[in-house]
Protein backbone atom coordinates (compact mmCIF):
# COMPACT_ATOMS: atom_id res chain seq x y z
CA MET A 1 -105.09 -40.26 -112.03
CA MET A 2 -107.86 -37.70 -111.59
CA LYS A 3 -107.38 -34.32 -113.24
CA ASN A 4 -107.16 -31.51 -110.71
CA MET A 5 -106.16 -28.54 -112.90
CA GLY A 6 -108.56 -26.23 -114.70
CA SER A 7 -107.98 -24.65 -118.07
CA VAL A 8 -107.04 -21.23 -116.65
CA ASP A 9 -104.44 -22.84 -114.37
CA ARG A 10 -103.00 -24.78 -117.30
CA ILE A 11 -102.84 -21.71 -119.57
CA VAL A 12 -101.10 -19.62 -116.90
CA ARG A 13 -98.50 -22.35 -116.35
CA VAL A 14 -97.75 -22.61 -120.07
CA MET A 15 -97.44 -18.83 -120.33
CA ILE A 16 -94.99 -18.75 -117.41
CA ALA A 17 -92.95 -21.57 -118.97
CA VAL A 18 -92.81 -19.77 -122.33
CA PHE A 19 -91.75 -16.55 -120.57
CA ILE A 20 -88.93 -18.37 -118.75
CA ALA A 21 -87.78 -19.98 -122.01
CA ALA A 22 -87.85 -16.60 -123.75
CA LEU A 23 -85.72 -15.06 -120.99
CA TYR A 24 -83.23 -17.90 -121.33
CA PHE A 25 -82.95 -17.74 -125.12
CA ALA A 26 -82.70 -13.94 -125.02
CA GLY A 27 -79.72 -14.28 -122.68
CA GLN A 28 -81.42 -12.52 -119.75
CA ILE A 29 -80.90 -15.44 -117.37
CA ASN A 30 -77.94 -17.80 -117.21
CA GLY A 31 -76.02 -20.06 -114.89
CA THR A 32 -77.55 -21.93 -112.00
CA ILE A 33 -80.68 -19.79 -111.83
CA ALA A 34 -81.34 -20.53 -115.52
CA ILE A 35 -81.10 -24.27 -114.90
CA ILE A 36 -83.47 -24.06 -111.94
CA LEU A 37 -85.99 -21.90 -113.80
CA LEU A 38 -85.86 -24.13 -116.89
CA ALA A 39 -86.52 -27.18 -114.70
CA ILE A 40 -89.52 -25.41 -113.18
CA ALA A 41 -90.72 -24.47 -116.67
CA GLY A 42 -90.45 -28.10 -117.73
CA ILE A 43 -92.49 -29.20 -114.73
CA PHE A 44 -95.10 -26.55 -115.54
CA ILE A 45 -95.37 -27.80 -119.14
CA LEU A 46 -95.61 -31.45 -118.04
CA THR A 47 -98.29 -30.79 -115.43
CA SER A 48 -100.23 -28.64 -117.89
CA PHE A 49 -100.34 -31.41 -120.48
CA ILE A 50 -101.46 -34.10 -118.03
CA SER A 51 -103.81 -31.72 -116.11
CA PHE A 52 -102.58 -33.04 -112.79
CA CYS A 53 -100.48 -31.25 -110.18
CA PRO A 54 -99.02 -33.58 -107.54
CA LEU A 55 -98.71 -30.69 -105.07
CA TYR A 56 -102.46 -30.02 -105.27
CA TRP A 57 -103.37 -33.59 -104.35
CA PRO A 58 -102.36 -33.70 -100.63
CA PHE A 59 -104.11 -30.39 -99.98
CA GLY A 60 -107.27 -31.33 -101.86
CA ILE A 61 -107.01 -28.40 -104.27
CA HIS A 62 -109.03 -28.69 -107.48
CA THR A 63 -109.05 -25.88 -110.01
CA ASN A 64 -110.97 -28.08 -112.42
CA LYS A 65 -114.67 -27.45 -111.90
CA LYS A 66 -115.63 -30.89 -113.23
CA SER A 67 -113.59 -32.73 -110.58
CA ALA A 68 -114.55 -30.63 -107.58
């Protein structure tokens, strides 16, 4: 699997995931929207760690300068 995410993209995704988790643990979001946002946060963390976004692949998007 070729990496298609750059470091800035990965950092932004982790920051968004941490923000969503903070909102959840602070009690600002709850219910169905909390479950959906936490699932998205989990996907963001996973894709950040493996440096590959499956949605980028069909469109040929590469934010990683080494792979472009």
